């Protein structure tokens, strides 16, 4: 299961963004391609360190499920780290 931020509690009408379906599709395809590259890398390099700089509310670590021995760090501004801690699951 992929954890996600709770958009219902964000007190924001996301329809205001008027995001076009094409942008949603291309963003999803880009994320899948990056996930595939990360999965292949961590599978071939046990014990590596992954730094997800400017991670925002990205859930790549959960989607890629790095094997034991891979250290994964989601790095962002303190406000974003706090938001992640409040609204997202943590890897155990």
Foldseek 3Di string as FASTA:
>chain_A
DFFFFDPVPVPDDPVVVVDDPVVVVVVVVVLVVVLVVVLVVLVVDAQEEAEQAQCQRPRSCVVSVRDPNYHYHDDDDPVSVVSCVVGTDDDD
